[in-house]
Structure formats: structure tokens, C-alpha cells
Amino acid sequence: MTMKKVSLLFLLGALMFAFAACEKEGPAGPQGAQGTQGPAGVPGPTGNANVIQFSLPGVTLSDGAPDIWQNIPLTHDLCNSSIIVGYLGYMESTLLWYPMPGLSYGGTFDYRAYYFGQIGNTDSTTYVVRRLTGTGDDIVDSIRIVVIPASVFYAAEPAERPDLKNYEAVRSFYDIH
């Protein structure tokens, strides 16, 4: 090898060593000034915070009286366009709330709840708590009924389904080969 090639190889080796020893990224610089505020976004739909709650006093549900019938001042239309959920409250060190349908405190009793409009009185609805299973007394310290009115209504389109009596239609729908 000639002296020129050796010098060139030595120079290339030194450059590779220098680049390998360099840090890839330097330390972070100082924080820059705050930028200008961007344009306001499109407003979202108006929400609905018209939740209604009814709190009822405690009762004892027994074998001879396993139901509670409670009239609540809700129109039939409001009930038919709302979610209505009920809770049973049991006092321990604090009030424990159990949703209906479901099991009571301790899992001894099973409850469901339903409601219906009163014939001839469209301004009142009857809410019923019914014990389905269990024997003996169940002491409920409080009952809570929560009504959540809907604010937006959409008509749900029925899902497209194949003719279940036609094998080829089912195979094609589910892309079965």
C-alpha cells in the first residue's frame, strides 16, 4: 500500500471514531414563549342535566308483603322517554346502595322493579319493587328512584340480516368459504 492510501485509511478511521464518540442529541434548550391561542372548536350538542331523584323512606318487606307500590309524579310520556333505575339502601356503617334488578344486601333476596302508567291519570306513574326470592323479613332503610330523561332521540335502523332458512345467504353474509 502506498503512503497516500494509508493516510486516507487513517483519516477515515479517525473520522469514524470522532462521529461515533459524538452525542446524538444535545441538552434541551430553554422553554420558548407561549404561542397564540388557536381558533375555538365547534360547540358540542347541548347536554341534559334534568336527572330526577325520588328518595323513599325505609320499609320492611316480608313474606306477606313482598312488594312496594309507590306513585311518583311523572307523566307517561316522560317515563316512556327516560331511563328509570331503582336502588335499595341498607345501613351498615354507611348507607350501601344495591341496584335493581339484583340481590339485596347479603344476597338473601332477589328484587326487580317495574313501572306503569295509571289508566285515566297520565300525570302519575306507579313504581313497583317486587321481591322474587327469599323468605323472612328484609329491612330496607331507603329506596332511591332515579329518572334520566333522554335529550336526543334517534330512530334505530334494523340490522341487515340474512335469511336463516337459506344456507347460501347465511354463508355469503358471514363470508364463509
Protein backbone atom coordinates (compact mmCIF):
# COMPACT_ATOMS: atom_id res chain seq x y z
CA MET A 1 0.00 0.00 0.00
CA THR A 2 1.14 3.43 -0.69
CA MET A 3 1.57 6.09 1.87
CA LYS A 4 -1.34 8.02 0.35
CA LYS A 5 -3.75 5.08 0.88
CA VAL A 6 -2.54 4.51 4.43
CA SER A 7 -3.04 8.19 5.26
CA LEU A 8 -6.51 8.12 3.72
CA LEU A 9 -7.48 4.98 5.71
CA PHE A 10 -6.08 6.55 8.91
CA LEU A 11 -8.08 9.75 8.27
CA LEU A 12 -11.30 7.78 7.59
CA GLY A 13 -10.79 5.72 10.76
CA ALA A 14 -10.24 8.88 12.83
CA LEU A 15 -13.41 10.47 11.38
CA MET A 16 -15.47 7.35 12.14
CA PHE A 17 -14.15 7.35 15.72
CA ALA A 18 -14.97 11.05 16.10
CA PHE A 19 -18.54 10.65 14.83
CA ALA A 20 -19.15 7.56 16.99
CA ALA A 21 -17.97 9.41 20.11
CA CYS A 22 -20.27 12.44 19.50
CA GLU A 23 -23.58 12.73 21.32
CA LYS A 24 -26.55 12.30 19.02
CA GLU A 25 -28.62 14.95 20.77
CA GLY A 26 -27.53 17.90 22.81
CA PRO A 27 -29.08 19.10 26.07
CA ALA A 28 -32.57 20.66 25.95
CA GLY A 29 -32.69 24.39 25.35
CA PRO A 30 -34.71 26.90 27.35
CA GLN A 31 -38.52 26.84 27.17
CA GLY A 32 -39.88 29.03 24.38
CA ALA A 33 -42.62 31.65 24.69
CA GLN A 34 -46.29 30.55 24.75
CA GLY A 35 -47.85 30.53 21.27
CA THR A 36 -51.04 32.32 20.33
CA GLN A 37 -54.43 30.77 21.13
CA GLY A 38 -55.90 28.76 18.26
CA PRO A 39 -59.44 29.20 16.94
CA ALA A 40 -62.36 27.96 19.04
CA GLY A 41 -63.66 24.50 18.18
CA VAL A 42 -67.16 23.62 17.08
CA PRO A 43 -69.55 23.57 20.08
CA GLY A 44 -70.86 20.15 21.10
CA PRO A 45 -74.54 19.30 21.42
CA THR A 46 -76.46 20.78 24.32
CA GLY A 47 -76.43 18.36 27.22
CA ASN A 48 -79.22 17.32 29.53
CA ALA A 49 -78.85 17.53 33.28
CA ASN A 50 -82.51 17.11 34.14
CA VAL A 51 -82.00 14.00 36.26
CA ILE A 52 -84.80 13.46 38.78
CA GLN A 53 -84.37 11.54 42.02
CA PHE A 54 -87.04 10.29 44.38
CA SER A 55 -85.97 9.17 47.86
CA LEU A 56 -88.46 6.99 49.72
CA PRO A 57 -88.37 6.07 53.41
CA GLY A 58 -87.35 2.62 54.54
CA VAL A 59 -89.72 -0.34 54.65
CA THR A 60 -89.73 -3.93 55.79
CA LEU A 61 -90.54 -6.38 53.04
CA SER A 62 -91.93 -9.65 54.38
CA ASP A 63 -93.40 -12.86 53.08
CA GLY A 64 -96.90 -11.43 53.38
CA ALA A 65 -95.96 -8.06 51.84
CA PRO A 66 -93.14 -8.61 49.33
CA ASP A 67 -94.00 -5.58 47.16
CA ILE A 68 -93.81 -1.81 47.41
CA TRP A 69 -96.13 0.22 45.19
CA GLN A 70 -95.20 3.90 45.00
CA ASN A 71 -96.91 6.59 42.94
CA ILE A 72 -94.44 9.09 41.55
CA PRO A 73 -95.37 12.37 39.83
CA LEU A 74 -94.08 11.55 36.34
CA THR A 75 -96.07 11.74 33.15
CA HIS A 76 -96.37 8.66 30.98
CA ASP A 77 -94.54 10.45 28.17
CA LEU A 78 -91.59 11.28 30.42
CA CYS A 79 -91.39 7.69 31.66
CA ASN A 80 -91.51 6.33 28.13
CA SER A 81 -88.59 8.52 27.07
CA SER A 82 -86.34 8.05 30.10
CA ILE A 83 -84.15 5.54 31.85
CA ILE A 84 -85.56 4.72 35.28
CA VAL A 85 -83.38 2.84 37.74
CA GLY A 86 -84.02 1.89 41.35
CA TYR A 87 -81.75 1.22 44.30
CA LEU A 88 -82.30 -0.35 47.70
CA GLY A 89 -80.36 1.24 50.57
CA TYR A 90 -79.10 -0.76 53.54
CA MET A 91 -77.48 0.91 56.54
CA GLU A 92 -74.26 -0.60 57.79
CA SER A 93 -71.55 1.82 58.92
CA THR A 94 -72.71 3.86 55.92
CA LEU A 95 -75.64 3.57 53.52
CA LEU A 96 -74.96 0.86 50.92
CA TRP A 97 -76.91 1.08 47.63
CA TYR A 98 -77.87 -2.05 45.68
CA PRO A 99 -79.26 -1.68 42.14
CA MET A 100 -82.46 -3.34 40.98
CA PRO A 101 -82.87 -5.81 39.43
CA GLY A 102 -80.47 -7.66 41.66
CA LEU A 103 -79.70 -9.18 45.00
CA SER A 104 -80.21 -7.48 48.34
CA TYR A 105 -77.59 -6.87 50.99
CA GLY A 106 -76.20 -10.26 51.92
CA GLY A 107 -77.64 -11.84 48.74
CA THR A 108 -80.64 -13.28 50.60
CA PHE A 109 -83.36 -11.68 48.48
CA ASP A 110 -83.68 -11.07 44.76
CA TYR A 111 -85.55 -7.97 43.58
CA ARG A 112 -86.82 -6.47 40.39
CA ALA A 113 -88.54 -3.16 39.72
CA TYR A 114 -91.01 -2.06 37.08
CA TYR A 115 -93.32 0.85 36.46
CA PHE A 116 -96.54 1.53 34.61
CA GLY A 117 -98.81 4.43 33.82
CA GLN A 118 -102.10 4.69 35.62
CA ILE A 119 -105.18 4.41 33.46
CA GLY A 120 -107.02 7.72 33.37
CA ASN A 121 -104.15 9.64 35.01
CA THR A 122 -101.36 10.49 32.57
CA ASP A 123 -99.61 12.67 35.18
CA SER A 124 -98.70 9.85 37.55
CA THR A 125 -96.74 6.62 37.29
CA THR A 126 -96.67 3.66 39.66
CA TYR A 127 -93.23 2.28 40.50
CA VAL A 128 -93.20 -1.26 41.92
CA VAL A 129 -90.40 -3.00 43.82
CA ARG A 130 -91.04 -6.75 43.92
CA ARG A 131 -89.19 -9.36 45.94
CA LEU A 132 -88.79 -12.51 43.84
CA THR A 133 -86.88 -14.86 46.15
CA GLY A 134 -86.07 -15.30 49.82
CA THR A 135 -88.17 -15.78 52.94
CA GLY A 136 -88.47 -13.73 56.09
CA ASP A 137 -88.13 -10.01 56.63
CA ASP A 138 -85.85 -7.72 54.64
CA ILE A 139 -85.36 -4.35 56.31
CA VAL A 140 -84.66 -1.76 53.63
CA ASP A 141 -83.52 1.57 55.05
CA SER A 142 -84.20 3.67 51.96
CA ILE A 143 -85.29 3.37 48.34
CA ARG A 144 -83.97 5.59 45.59
CA ILE A 145 -85.58 6.00 42.17
CA VAL A 146 -83.52 7.85 39.57
CA VAL A 147 -85.10 9.13 36.35
CA ILE A 148 -82.76 10.14 33.50
CA PRO A 149 -84.69 11.83 30.67
CA ALA A 150 -83.37 11.47 27.15
CA SER A 151 -82.44 14.70 25.37
CA VAL A 152 -81.79 13.36 21.85
CA PHE A 153 -83.78 10.67 20.07
CA TYR A 154 -82.60 8.59 17.12
CA ALA A 155 -84.59 6.02 15.20
CA ALA A 156 -82.54 2.83 15.16
CA GLU A 157 -82.46 1.10 11.81
CA PRO A 158 -82.91 -2.66 11.95
CA ALA A 159 -79.67 -4.50 11.24
CA GLU A 160 -79.42 -6.27 7.91
CA ARG A 161 -79.69 -10.00 8.49
CA PRO A 162 -79.57 -12.96 6.15
CA ASP A 163 -82.45 -15.32 5.59
CA LEU A 164 -81.62 -18.00 8.16
CA LYS A 165 -83.53 -20.60 6.16
CA ASN A 166 -81.24 -20.08 3.16
CA TYR A 167 -77.79 -21.67 3.63
CA GLU A 168 -76.21 -19.77 0.73
CA ALA A 169 -77.48 -16.42 2.07
CA VAL A 170 -76.03 -17.16 5.53
CA ARG A 171 -72.72 -18.35 4.05
CA SER A 172 -72.43 -15.26 1.90
CA PHE A 173 -73.43 -12.85 4.70
CA TYR A 174 -70.78 -14.23 7.10
CA ASP A 175 -68.23 -14.71 4.29
CA ILE A 176 -67.89 -18.44 4.97
CA HIS A 177 -65.86 -20.31 2.34
